[in-house]
Amino acid sequence: MPINDLLKNLNVSPEEVRRLNHAFTFALKSLDLVDRNDPVCRIVAAKVIEIDKAGIHEPHHIAELAAKQLGVSK
């Protein structure tokens, strides 16, 4: 999963990993992305992490903002 690859290099707790994985999954669903090997998924993962680092921690809100900031929200 692309988000786990990115999180390996960060100092995050198991709870943060779970939260970010949930946000990533929600974001992929909202964008109708199914193939997690799609390079776009790595971009989504990076955006999810960026939003979390900015102080937003609720997974559904992170997913909504990620889609909006990537310019692909529905």
N, C-alpha and C. Protein backbone atom coordinates (compact mmCIF):
# COMPACT_ATOMS: atom_id res chain seq x y z
N MET A 1 0.85 -1.17 0.00
CA MET A 1 0.00 0.00 0.00
C MET A 1 0.89 1.24 0.00
N PRO A 2 0.66 2.17 -0.92
CA PRO A 2 1.54 3.33 -1.04
C PRO A 2 1.70 4.15 0.23
N ILE A 3 0.65 4.27 1.02
CA ILE A 3 0.77 5.11 2.22
C ILE A 3 1.73 4.48 3.22
N ASN A 4 1.72 3.16 3.33
CA ASN A 4 2.63 2.50 4.27
C ASN A 4 4.09 2.69 3.84
N ASP A 5 4.34 2.70 2.53
CA ASP A 5 5.70 2.96 2.05
C ASP A 5 6.18 4.34 2.48
N LEU A 6 5.29 5.32 2.40
CA LEU A 6 5.65 6.68 2.80
C LEU A 6 5.79 6.82 4.31
N LEU A 7 4.97 6.09 5.06
CA LEU A 7 4.99 6.20 6.52
C LEU A 7 6.22 5.53 7.13
N LYS A 8 6.84 4.59 6.41
CA LYS A 8 8.03 3.91 6.94
C LYS A 8 9.13 4.89 7.30
N ASN A 9 9.20 5.99 6.57
CA ASN A 9 10.27 6.96 6.78
C ASN A 9 9.92 8.04 7.80
N LEU A 10 8.72 7.94 8.36
CA LEU A 10 8.27 8.95 9.32
C LEU A 10 8.18 8.33 10.71
N ASN A 11 8.31 9.15 11.70
CA ASN A 11 8.19 8.69 13.08
C ASN A 11 6.74 8.84 13.51
N VAL A 12 5.93 7.80 13.23
CA VAL A 12 4.51 7.85 13.56
C VAL A 12 4.14 6.66 14.44
N SER A 13 3.18 6.89 15.31
CA SER A 13 2.71 5.84 16.22
C SER A 13 1.81 4.86 15.47
N PRO A 14 1.60 3.69 16.04
CA PRO A 14 0.66 2.74 15.42
C PRO A 14 -0.74 3.34 15.25
N GLU A 15 -1.17 4.15 16.21
CA GLU A 15 -2.49 4.78 16.09
C GLU A 15 -2.52 5.75 14.90
N GLU A 16 -1.45 6.50 14.70
CA GLU A 16 -1.38 7.41 13.56
C GLU A 16 -1.41 6.63 12.25
N VAL A 17 -0.71 5.51 12.22
CA VAL A 17 -0.70 4.67 11.01
C VAL A 17 -2.12 4.20 10.71
N ARG A 18 -2.84 3.73 11.72
CA ARG A 18 -4.22 3.29 11.52
C ARG A 18 -5.10 4.43 11.01
N ARG A 19 -4.98 5.59 11.64
CA ARG A 19 -5.79 6.75 11.25
C ARG A 19 -5.50 7.16 9.81
N LEU A 20 -4.23 7.20 9.44
CA LEU A 20 -3.86 7.60 8.09
C LEU A 20 -4.28 6.55 7.06
N ASN A 21 -4.22 5.29 7.43
CA ASN A 21 -4.69 4.24 6.53
C ASN A 21 -6.19 4.37 6.30
N HIS A 22 -6.94 4.69 7.34
CA HIS A 22 -8.38 4.90 7.18
C HIS A 22 -8.63 6.09 6.26
N ALA A 23 -7.94 7.18 6.50
CA ALA A 23 -8.13 8.38 5.67
C ALA A 23 -7.77 8.08 4.21
N PHE A 24 -6.70 7.35 4.00
CA PHE A 24 -6.27 6.98 2.66
C PHE A 24 -7.33 6.12 1.97
N THR A 25 -7.86 5.14 2.70
CA THR A 25 -8.91 4.27 2.14
C THR A 25 -10.15 5.09 1.78
N PHE A 26 -10.56 5.99 2.66
CA PHE A 26 -11.71 6.84 2.38
C PHE A 26 -11.46 7.70 1.14
N ALA A 27 -10.25 8.25 1.04
CA ALA A 27 -9.91 9.10 -0.11
C ALA A 27 -9.96 8.30 -1.41
N LEU A 28 -9.41 7.10 -1.40
CA LEU A 28 -9.43 6.27 -2.60
C LEU A 28 -10.86 5.94 -3.02
N LYS A 29 -11.69 5.61 -2.04
CA LYS A 29 -13.10 5.31 -2.36
C LYS A 29 -13.80 6.52 -2.94
N SER A 30 -13.55 7.68 -2.37
CA SER A 30 -14.22 8.88 -2.87
C SER A 30 -13.77 9.25 -4.28
N LEU A 31 -12.58 8.80 -4.65
CA LEU A 31 -12.03 9.09 -5.97
C LEU A 31 -12.22 7.92 -6.94
N ASP A 32 -12.90 6.88 -6.48
CA ASP A 32 -13.13 5.67 -7.29
C ASP A 32 -11.82 5.03 -7.76
N LEU A 33 -10.81 5.08 -6.92
CA LEU A 33 -9.53 4.42 -7.23
C LEU A 33 -9.52 3.05 -6.57
N VAL A 34 -9.35 2.01 -7.37
CA VAL A 34 -9.41 0.65 -6.87
C VAL A 34 -8.02 0.01 -6.85
N ASP A 35 -7.25 0.24 -7.88
CA ASP A 35 -5.92 -0.37 -8.00
C ASP A 35 -4.91 0.43 -7.18
N ARG A 36 -4.53 -0.11 -6.04
CA ARG A 36 -3.62 0.63 -5.16
C ARG A 36 -2.20 0.69 -5.71
N ASN A 37 -1.94 -0.01 -6.79
CA ASN A 37 -0.64 0.09 -7.46
C ASN A 37 -0.62 1.22 -8.49
N ASP A 38 -1.76 1.84 -8.71
CA ASP A 38 -1.84 2.98 -9.62
C ASP A 38 -0.97 4.10 -9.06
N PRO A 39 -0.10 4.69 -9.87
CA PRO A 39 0.77 5.78 -9.38
C PRO A 39 0.01 6.95 -8.76
N VAL A 40 -1.22 7.16 -9.16
CA VAL A 40 -2.03 8.24 -8.59
C VAL A 40 -2.25 8.01 -7.10
N CYS A 41 -2.31 6.74 -6.70
CA CYS A 41 -2.53 6.42 -5.28
C CYS A 41 -1.40 6.94 -4.41
N ARG A 42 -0.20 6.94 -4.94
CA ARG A 42 0.95 7.47 -4.17
C ARG A 42 0.79 8.98 -3.96
N ILE A 43 0.26 9.66 -4.96
CA ILE A 43 0.01 11.10 -4.84
C ILE A 43 -1.06 11.35 -3.78
N VAL A 44 -2.10 10.54 -3.80
CA VAL A 44 -3.18 10.66 -2.81
C VAL A 44 -2.61 10.40 -1.41
N ALA A 45 -1.77 9.38 -1.28
CA ALA A 45 -1.17 9.05 0.02
C ALA A 45 -0.34 10.21 0.56
N ALA A 46 0.46 10.81 -0.31
CA ALA A 46 1.28 11.95 0.12
C ALA A 46 0.40 13.12 0.56
N LYS A 47 -0.70 13.34 -0.15
CA LYS A 47 -1.61 14.43 0.21
C LYS A 47 -2.27 14.17 1.55
N VAL A 48 -2.67 12.91 1.80
CA VAL A 48 -3.29 12.54 3.08
C VAL A 48 -2.31 12.83 4.22
N ILE A 49 -1.07 12.45 4.06
CA ILE A 49 -0.06 12.68 5.09
C ILE A 49 0.16 14.18 5.29
N GLU A 50 0.22 14.92 4.21
CA GLU A 50 0.41 16.37 4.28
C GLU A 50 -0.72 17.04 5.07
N ILE A 51 -1.94 16.65 4.80
CA ILE A 51 -3.09 17.24 5.49
C ILE A 51 -3.06 16.89 6.97
N ASP A 52 -2.72 15.65 7.28
CA ASP A 52 -2.62 15.24 8.68
C ASP A 52 -1.55 16.05 9.41
N LYS A 53 -0.42 16.24 8.77
CA LYS A 53 0.66 17.02 9.38
C LYS A 53 0.24 18.47 9.62
N ALA A 54 -0.70 18.96 8.81
CA ALA A 54 -1.18 20.34 8.96
C ALA A 54 -2.12 20.48 10.14
N GLY A 55 -2.49 19.35 10.78
CA GLY A 55 -3.28 19.43 11.99
C GLY A 55 -4.70 18.92 11.88
N ILE A 56 -5.07 18.39 10.74
CA ILE A 56 -6.41 17.82 10.58
C ILE A 56 -6.28 16.32 10.73
N HIS A 57 -7.01 15.75 11.69
CA HIS A 57 -6.79 14.34 12.03
C HIS A 57 -8.00 13.44 11.86
N GLU A 58 -9.15 13.97 11.51
CA GLU A 58 -10.33 13.12 11.34
C GLU A 58 -10.28 12.51 9.94
N PRO A 59 -10.25 11.16 9.84
CA PRO A 59 -10.04 10.50 8.55
C PRO A 59 -10.99 10.93 7.43
N HIS A 60 -12.28 11.06 7.70
CA HIS A 60 -13.20 11.47 6.64
C HIS A 60 -12.90 12.89 6.16
N HIS A 61 -12.56 13.76 7.09
CA HIS A 61 -12.24 15.14 6.72
C HIS A 61 -10.94 15.19 5.91
N ILE A 62 -9.97 14.41 6.32
CA ILE A 62 -8.71 14.33 5.56
C ILE A 62 -9.00 13.89 4.14
N ALA A 63 -9.83 12.85 3.99
CA ALA A 63 -10.15 12.32 2.66
C ALA A 63 -10.84 13.36 1.79
N GLU A 64 -11.79 14.08 2.38
CA GLU A 64 -12.50 15.13 1.63
C GLU A 64 -11.55 16.22 1.17
N LEU A 65 -10.69 16.66 2.09
CA LEU A 65 -9.73 17.71 1.74
C LEU A 65 -8.72 17.24 0.70
N ALA A 66 -8.28 16.01 0.81
CA ALA A 66 -7.32 15.47 -0.16
C ALA A 66 -7.92 15.51 -1.56
N ALA A 67 -9.14 15.01 -1.69
CA ALA A 67 -9.80 15.03 -3.00
C ALA A 67 -9.97 16.47 -3.52
N LYS A 68 -10.38 17.35 -2.63
CA LYS A 68 -10.59 18.75 -3.03
C LYS A 68 -9.27 19.40 -3.44
N GLN A 69 -8.23 19.21 -2.65
CA GLN A 69 -6.94 19.84 -2.96
C GLN A 69 -6.29 19.25 -4.20
N LEU A 70 -6.59 18.01 -4.50
CA LEU A 70 -6.07 17.40 -5.72
C LEU A 70 -6.91 17.78 -6.94
N GLY A 71 -8.01 18.50 -6.70
CA GLY A 71 -8.84 18.99 -7.78
C GLY A 71 -9.70 17.94 -8.43
N VAL A 72 -10.02 16.88 -7.67
CA VAL A 72 -10.81 15.80 -8.26
C VAL A 72 -12.01 15.45 -7.40
N SER A 73 -12.44 16.34 -6.54
CA SER A 73 -13.60 16.03 -5.70
C SER A 73 -14.86 16.00 -6.54
N LYS A 74 -15.79 15.21 -6.07
CA LYS A 74 -17.05 15.04 -6.80
C LYS A 74 -18.08 16.02 -6.32
